[in-house]
Amino acid sequence: MQAESRGAIRAPLSALLVFAIVPILFEAVIVATRHVRLSLATGLPGMFKIGFVTASALSHWGIYSSLLVMFGLTLRRDREPLITTMARRMHGELTPEMLRYTGQVTRVWTCFFAFQLTVSVSLFCFAPLIVWSTFVNILDLPMVAALFAAEYFCRLRLLRDPPRHSIGAILNMVANPAGDGAKPRLLPMRTAPD
């Protein structure tokens, strides 16, 4: 059983590692070629740089545009917010408190995705290329991690009985949208010693 859960966690962690290393390599290439103009007229070095800049821009803008649309469309009146749907899959029936909270979390993530896109496009158009590249390739994942951490601490503070799941259970739920009917494993509540 433990080997299965380790295997289920290993694949998403490998993907996460790729998502962390590839942008750093892209940033290194863009910084190393800062003396090369972003132009086809500069020959092979220029085309090389254009390739890395294009790949960074399209992947960043594509991911955040998709997430913005996916989360944002669930905020319409006739839809259930995406985080609410995910919480319902993890917990079954939700309390009114959880329904409000998960709706607010969906709005926060939607605003975050809009912020990421707006800043990225603005920096690309108006700032030096290295500033834009640092934003999309270096600061991106730490900002996502910071928002996850902030949401977790808000959940602990704002909800009377906040749910706690292992990271593996959450990654498994996201990676397996069809689900297998099994409820994710809840982490035990920590209580203060008497």
C-alpha atoms as a PDB file:
ATOM      1  CA  MET A   1       0.000   0.000   0.000  1.00  0.00           C
ATOM      2  CA  GLN A   2       2.779   2.444   0.891  1.00  0.00           C
ATOM      3  CA  ALA A   3       4.680   1.568  -2.293  1.00  0.00           C
ATOM      4  CA  GLU A   4       1.544   2.376  -4.330  1.00  0.00           C
ATOM      5  CA  SER A   5       1.138   5.775  -2.669  1.00  0.00           C
ATOM      6  CA  ARG A   6       4.835   6.523  -3.158  1.00  0.00           C
ATOM      7  CA  GLY A   7       4.507   5.645  -6.852  1.00  0.00           C
ATOM      8  CA  ALA A   8       1.376   7.816  -7.173  1.00  0.00           C
ATOM      9  CA  ILE A   9       3.266  10.737  -5.652  1.00  0.00           C
ATOM     10  CA  ARG A  10       6.519  10.163  -7.573  1.00  0.00           C
ATOM     11  CA  ALA A  11       5.029  10.885 -11.039  1.00  0.00           C
ATOM     12  CA  PRO A  12       3.508  14.283 -10.108  1.00  0.00           C
ATOM     13  CA  LEU A  13       6.692  15.229  -8.244  1.00  0.00           C
ATOM     14  CA  SER A  14       8.776  14.379 -11.311  1.00  0.00           C
ATOM     15  CA  ALA A  15       6.545  16.615 -13.412  1.00  0.00           C
ATOM     16  CA  LEU A  16       6.849  19.361 -10.800  1.00  0.00           C
ATOM     17  CA  LEU A  17      10.634  19.026 -10.909  1.00  0.00           C
ATOM     18  CA  VAL A  18      10.557  19.494 -14.704  1.00  0.00           C
ATOM     19  CA  PHE A  19       8.309  22.549 -14.282  1.00  0.00           C
ATOM     20  CA  ALA A  20      10.869  23.978 -11.853  1.00  0.00           C
ATOM     21  CA  ILE A  21      14.064  23.218 -13.812  1.00  0.00           C
ATOM     22  CA  VAL A  22      13.017  24.074 -17.381  1.00  0.00           C
ATOM     23  CA  PRO A  23      12.133  27.725 -16.624  1.00  0.00           C
ATOM     24  CA  ILE A  24      15.451  28.180 -14.806  1.00  0.00           C
ATOM     25  CA  LEU A  25      17.275  26.876 -17.884  1.00  0.00           C
ATOM     26  CA  PHE A  26      15.249  29.213 -20.100  1.00  0.00           C
ATOM     27  CA  GLU A  27      16.117  32.150 -17.831  1.00  0.00           C
ATOM     28  CA  ALA A  28      19.809  31.192 -17.976  1.00  0.00           C
ATOM     29  CA  VAL A  29      19.749  31.107 -21.786  1.00  0.00           C
ATOM     30  CA  ILE A  30      17.930  34.455 -22.038  1.00  0.00           C
ATOM     31  CA  VAL A  31      20.336  36.097 -19.576  1.00  0.00           C
ATOM     32  CA  ALA A  32      23.390  34.548 -21.270  1.00  0.00           C
ATOM     33  CA  THR A  33      22.231  35.900 -24.651  1.00  0.00           C
ATOM     34  CA  ARG A  34      21.294  39.367 -23.383  1.00  0.00           C
ATOM     35  CA  HIS A  35      23.896  40.878 -25.719  1.00  0.00           C
ATOM     36  CA  VAL A  36      22.157  39.270 -28.737  1.00  0.00           C
ATOM     37  CA  ARG A  37      19.400  41.361 -30.289  1.00  0.00           C
ATOM     38  CA  LEU A  38      16.005  39.722 -30.554  1.00  0.00           C
ATOM     39  CA  SER A  39      16.062  39.744 -34.347  1.00  0.00           C
ATOM     40  CA  LEU A  40      16.320  37.372 -37.268  1.00  0.00           C
ATOM     41  CA  ALA A  41      18.940  39.728 -38.717  1.00  0.00           C
ATOM     42  CA  THR A  42      21.448  38.537 -36.091  1.00  0.00           C
ATOM     43  CA  GLY A  43      21.471  35.065 -37.648  1.00  0.00           C
ATOM     44  CA  LEU A  44      21.569  31.830 -35.682  1.00  0.00           C
ATOM     45  CA  PRO A  45      22.101  33.429 -32.231  1.00  0.00           C
ATOM     46  CA  GLY A  46      19.081  35.680 -32.788  1.00  0.00           C
ATOM     47  CA  MET A  47      16.908  32.789 -33.931  1.00  0.00           C
ATOM     48  CA  PHE A  48      18.089  30.741 -30.948  1.00  0.00           C
ATOM     49  CA  LYS A  49      17.089  33.537 -28.578  1.00  0.00           C
ATOM     50  CA  ILE A  50      13.757  34.088 -30.357  1.00  0.00           C
ATOM     51  CA  GLY A  51      13.027  30.386 -29.888  1.00  0.00           C
ATOM     52  CA  PHE A  52      13.597  30.484 -26.131  1.00  0.00           C
ATOM     53  CA  VAL A  53      11.671  33.735 -25.684  1.00  0.00           C
ATOM     54  CA  THR A  54       8.773  32.421 -27.778  1.00  0.00           C
ATOM     55  CA  ALA A  55       8.668  29.131 -25.866  1.00  0.00           C
ATOM     56  CA  SER A  56       8.690  30.978 -22.525  1.00  0.00           C
ATOM     57  CA  ALA A  57       6.015  33.444 -23.603  1.00  0.00           C
ATOM     58  CA  LEU A  58       3.675  30.947 -25.230  1.00  0.00           C
ATOM     59  CA  SER A  59       3.898  28.429 -22.406  1.00  0.00           C
ATOM     60  CA  HIS A  60       3.375  31.057 -19.681  1.00  0.00           C
ATOM     61  CA  TRP A  61       0.581  32.865 -21.487  1.00  0.00           C
ATOM     62  CA  GLY A  62      -1.038  29.617 -22.629  1.00  0.00           C
ATOM     63  CA  ILE A  63      -1.062  28.046 -19.177  1.00  0.00           C
ATOM     64  CA  TYR A  64      -2.361  31.159 -17.417  1.00  0.00           C
ATOM     65  CA  SER A  65      -4.935  31.944 -20.110  1.00  0.00           C
ATOM     66  CA  SER A  66      -6.255  28.386 -19.861  1.00  0.00           C
ATOM     67  CA  LEU A  67      -6.385  28.488 -16.072  1.00  0.00           C
ATOM     68  CA  LEU A  68      -8.046  31.922 -16.113  1.00  0.00           C
ATOM     69  CA  VAL A  69     -10.758  30.689 -18.473  1.00  0.00           C
ATOM     70  CA  MET A  70     -11.184  27.346 -16.673  1.00  0.00           C
ATOM     71  CA  PHE A  71     -11.539  28.935 -13.216  1.00  0.00           C
ATOM     72  CA  GLY A  72     -13.332  32.071 -14.417  1.00  0.00           C
ATOM     73  CA  LEU A  73     -16.076  30.250 -16.308  1.00  0.00           C
ATOM     74  CA  THR A  74     -17.012  28.379 -13.135  1.00  0.00           C
ATOM     75  CA  LEU A  75     -17.728  31.698 -11.406  1.00  0.00           C
ATOM     76  CA  ARG A  76     -20.810  32.325 -13.545  1.00  0.00           C
ATOM     77  CA  ARG A  77     -24.128  32.226 -11.686  1.00  0.00           C
ATOM     78  CA  ASP A  78     -25.223  28.956 -13.311  1.00  0.00           C
ATOM     79  CA  ARG A  79     -21.985  27.109 -12.459  1.00  0.00           C
ATOM     80  CA  GLU A  80     -20.352  25.737  -9.332  1.00  0.00           C
ATOM     81  CA  PRO A  81     -16.928  27.309  -8.582  1.00  0.00           C
ATOM     82  CA  LEU A  82     -14.088  24.960  -9.493  1.00  0.00           C
ATOM     83  CA  ILE A  83     -12.575  24.777  -5.992  1.00  0.00           C
ATOM     84  CA  THR A  84     -16.046  23.960  -4.638  1.00  0.00           C
ATOM     85  CA  THR A  85     -16.289  21.074  -7.096  1.00  0.00           C
ATOM     86  CA  MET A  86     -12.858  19.830  -6.034  1.00  0.00           C
ATOM     87  CA  ALA A  87     -13.751  20.134  -2.334  1.00  0.00           C
ATOM     88  CA  ARG A  88     -17.005  18.248  -2.951  1.00  0.00           C
ATOM     89  CA  ARG A  89     -14.990  15.420  -4.557  1.00  0.00           C
ATOM     90  CA  MET A  90     -12.705  15.286  -1.534  1.00  0.00           C
ATOM     91  CA  HIS A  91     -15.359  15.639   1.203  1.00  0.00           C
ATOM     92  CA  GLY A  92     -18.798  14.848  -0.212  1.00  0.00           C
ATOM     93  CA  GLU A  93     -21.461  17.224   1.095  1.00  0.00           C
ATOM     94  CA  LEU A  94     -20.130  20.674   2.050  1.00  0.00           C
ATOM     95  CA  THR A  95     -21.253  23.000   4.837  1.00  0.00           C
ATOM     96  CA  PRO A  96     -22.470  26.517   3.936  1.00  0.00           C
ATOM     97  CA  GLU A  97     -19.203  27.804   5.435  1.00  0.00           C
ATOM     98  CA  MET A  98     -17.164  25.599   3.077  1.00  0.00           C
ATOM     99  CA  LEU A  99     -19.324  26.586   0.092  1.00  0.00           C
ATOM    100  CA  ARG A 100     -18.624  30.287   0.748  1.00  0.00           C
ATOM    101  CA  TYR A 101     -14.945  29.701   1.400  1.00  0.00           C
ATOM    102  CA  THR A 102     -14.314  27.556  -1.687  1.00  0.00           C
ATOM    103  CA  GLY A 103     -16.150  30.084  -3.868  1.00  0.00           C
ATOM    104  CA  GLN A 104     -13.897  32.838  -2.503  1.00  0.00           C
ATOM    105  CA  VAL A 105     -10.781  30.718  -3.095  1.00  0.00           C
ATOM    106  CA  THR A 106     -11.852  30.173  -6.719  1.00  0.00           C
ATOM    107  CA  ARG A 107     -12.181  33.966  -7.118  1.00  0.00           C
ATOM    108  CA  VAL A 108      -8.731  34.531  -5.589  1.00  0.00           C
ATOM    109  CA  TRP A 109      -7.091  32.044  -7.969  1.00  0.00           C
ATOM    110  CA  THR A 110      -8.935  33.583 -10.931  1.00  0.00           C
ATOM    111  CA  CYS A 111      -7.633  37.036  -9.948  1.00  0.00           C
ATOM    112  CA  PHE A 112      -4.141  35.601  -9.528  1.00  0.00           C
ATOM    113  CA  PHE A 113      -4.204  34.152 -13.051  1.00  0.00           C
ATOM    114  CA  ALA A 114      -5.440  37.494 -14.455  1.00  0.00           C
ATOM    115  CA  PHE A 115      -2.673  39.294 -12.523  1.00  0.00           C
ATOM    116  CA  GLN A 116      -0.025  36.909 -13.880  1.00  0.00           C
ATOM    117  CA  LEU A 117      -1.163  37.459 -17.464  1.00  0.00           C
ATOM    118  CA  THR A 118      -1.462  41.234 -17.125  1.00  0.00           C
ATOM    119  CA  VAL A 119       1.969  41.658 -15.541  1.00  0.00           C
ATOM    120  CA  SER A 120       3.609  39.226 -17.966  1.00  0.00           C
ATOM    121  CA  VAL A 121       2.245  40.919 -21.101  1.00  0.00           C
ATOM    122  CA  SER A 122       2.993  44.396 -19.679  1.00  0.00           C
ATOM    123  CA  LEU A 123       6.581  43.488 -18.832  1.00  0.00           C
ATOM    124  CA  PHE A 124       7.057  41.829 -22.207  1.00  0.00           C
ATOM    125  CA  CYS A 125       5.865  44.963 -24.009  1.00  0.00           C
ATOM    126  CA  PHE A 126       7.384  47.689 -21.826  1.00  0.00           C
ATOM    127  CA  ALA A 127      10.289  46.352 -19.731  1.00  0.00           C
ATOM    128  CA  PRO A 128      13.701  44.935 -20.589  1.00  0.00           C
ATOM    129  CA  LEU A 129      13.488  41.312 -21.720  1.00  0.00           C
ATOM    130  CA  ILE A 130      15.497  40.090 -18.714  1.00  0.00           C
ATOM    131  CA  VAL A 131      12.954  41.629 -16.303  1.00  0.00           C
ATOM    132  CA  TRP A 132      10.100  39.871 -18.090  1.00  0.00           C
ATOM    133  CA  SER A 133      12.038  36.586 -18.223  1.00  0.00           C
ATOM    134  CA  THR A 134      12.787  36.744 -14.499  1.00  0.00           C
ATOM    135  CA  PHE A 135       9.092  37.264 -13.791  1.00  0.00           C
ATOM    136  CA  VAL A 136       7.861  34.326 -15.907  1.00  0.00           C
ATOM    137  CA  ASN A 137      10.761  31.910 -15.405  1.00  0.00           C
ATOM    138  CA  ILE A 138      11.989  32.553 -11.848  1.00  0.00           C
ATOM    139  CA  LEU A 139       9.265  34.289  -9.834  1.00  0.00           C
ATOM    140  CA  ASP A 140       6.325  32.312 -11.236  1.00  0.00           C
ATOM    141  CA  LEU A 141       6.536  29.120  -9.144  1.00  0.00           C
ATOM    142  CA  PRO A 142       7.417  30.908  -5.880  1.00  0.00           C
ATOM    143  CA  MET A 143       4.337  33.137  -6.358  1.00  0.00           C
ATOM    144  CA  VAL A 144       2.148  30.067  -6.943  1.00  0.00           C
ATOM    145  CA  ALA A 145       3.648  28.381  -3.856  1.00  0.00           C
ATOM    146  CA  ALA A 146       3.105  31.550  -1.803  1.00  0.00           C
ATOM    147  CA  LEU A 147      -0.556  31.666  -2.805  1.00  0.00           C
ATOM    148  CA  PHE A 148      -1.008  27.975  -1.917  1.00  0.00           C
ATOM    149  CA  ALA A 149       0.613  28.622   1.493  1.00  0.00           C
ATOM    150  CA  ALA A 150      -1.466  31.758   2.096  1.00  0.00           C
ATOM    151  CA  GLU A 151      -4.654  29.882   1.226  1.00  0.00           C
ATOM    152  CA  TYR A 152      -3.720  27.052   3.576  1.00  0.00           C
ATOM    153  CA  PHE A 153      -3.103  29.423   6.501  1.00  0.00           C
ATOM    154  CA  CYS A 154      -6.322  31.332   5.735  1.00  0.00           C
ATOM    155  CA  ARG A 155      -8.207  28.028   5.698  1.00  0.00           C
ATOM    156  CA  LEU A 156      -6.809  27.107   9.117  1.00  0.00           C
ATOM    157  CA  ARG A 157      -7.711  30.526  10.499  1.00  0.00           C
ATOM    158  CA  LEU A 158     -11.115  31.101   8.885  1.00  0.00           C
ATOM    159  CA  LEU A 159     -12.787  27.681   8.980  1.00  0.00           C
ATOM    160  CA  ARG A 160     -14.061  26.122  12.199  1.00  0.00           C
ATOM    161  CA  ASP A 161     -13.040  22.579  11.210  1.00  0.00           C
ATOM    162  CA  PRO A 162     -10.604  22.972   8.298  1.00  0.00           C
ATOM    163  CA  PRO A 163      -9.981  19.888   6.174  1.00  0.00           C
ATOM    164  CA  ARG A 164      -6.416  18.640   6.010  1.00  0.00           C
ATOM    165  CA  HIS A 165      -5.235  16.346   3.252  1.00  0.00           C
ATOM    166  CA  SER A 166      -1.889  14.945   2.334  1.00  0.00           C
ATOM    167  CA  ILE A 167      -0.262  16.570  -0.693  1.00  0.00           C
ATOM    168  CA  GLY A 168      -0.329  13.135  -2.343  1.00  0.00           C
ATOM    169  CA  ALA A 169      -4.119  12.885  -1.956  1.00  0.00           C
ATOM    170  CA  ILE A 170      -4.618  16.336  -3.473  1.00  0.00           C
ATOM    171  CA  LEU A 171      -2.234  15.635  -6.380  1.00  0.00           C
ATOM    172  CA  ASN A 172      -3.944  12.296  -6.976  1.00  0.00           C
ATOM    173  CA  MET A 173      -7.380  13.962  -7.055  1.00  0.00           C
ATOM    174  CA  VAL A 174      -6.187  16.586  -9.552  1.00  0.00           C
ATOM    175  CA  ALA A 175      -4.334  14.017 -11.691  1.00  0.00           C
ATOM    176  CA  ASN A 176      -7.301  11.616 -11.675  1.00  0.00           C
ATOM    177  CA  PRO A 177     -10.337  13.792 -12.491  1.00  0.00           C
ATOM    178  CA  ALA A 178     -12.595  10.798 -13.182  1.00  0.00           C
ATOM    179  CA  GLY A 179     -11.847   9.503  -9.699  1.00  0.00           C
ATOM    180  CA  ASP A 180     -11.981   5.936  -8.507  1.00  0.00           C
ATOM    181  CA  GLY A 181     -14.647   6.489  -5.864  1.00  0.00           C
ATOM    182  CA  ALA A 182     -12.181   6.261  -2.971  1.00  0.00           C
ATOM    183  CA  LYS A 183     -12.035   9.214  -0.619  1.00  0.00           C
ATOM    184  CA  PRO A 184      -8.604  10.783  -0.122  1.00  0.00           C
ATOM    185  CA  ARG A 185      -6.826  10.117   3.143  1.00  0.00           C
ATOM    186  CA  LEU A 186      -7.345  12.839   5.734  1.00  0.00           C
ATOM    187  CA  LEU A 187      -4.378  13.858   7.831  1.00  0.00           C
ATOM    188  CA  PRO A 188      -4.881  13.474  11.565  1.00  0.00           C
ATOM    189  CA  MET A 189      -5.735  16.653  13.484  1.00  0.00           C
ATOM    190  CA  ARG A 190      -2.907  17.906  15.660  1.00  0.00           C
ATOM    191  CA  THR A 191      -3.963  18.791  19.138  1.00  0.00           C
ATOM    192  CA  ALA A 192      -2.046  20.717  21.731  1.00  0.00           C
ATOM    193  CA  PRO A 193      -0.653  18.574  24.566  1.00  0.00           C
ATOM    194  CA  ASP A 194      -2.585  18.768  27.835  1.00  0.00           C
END
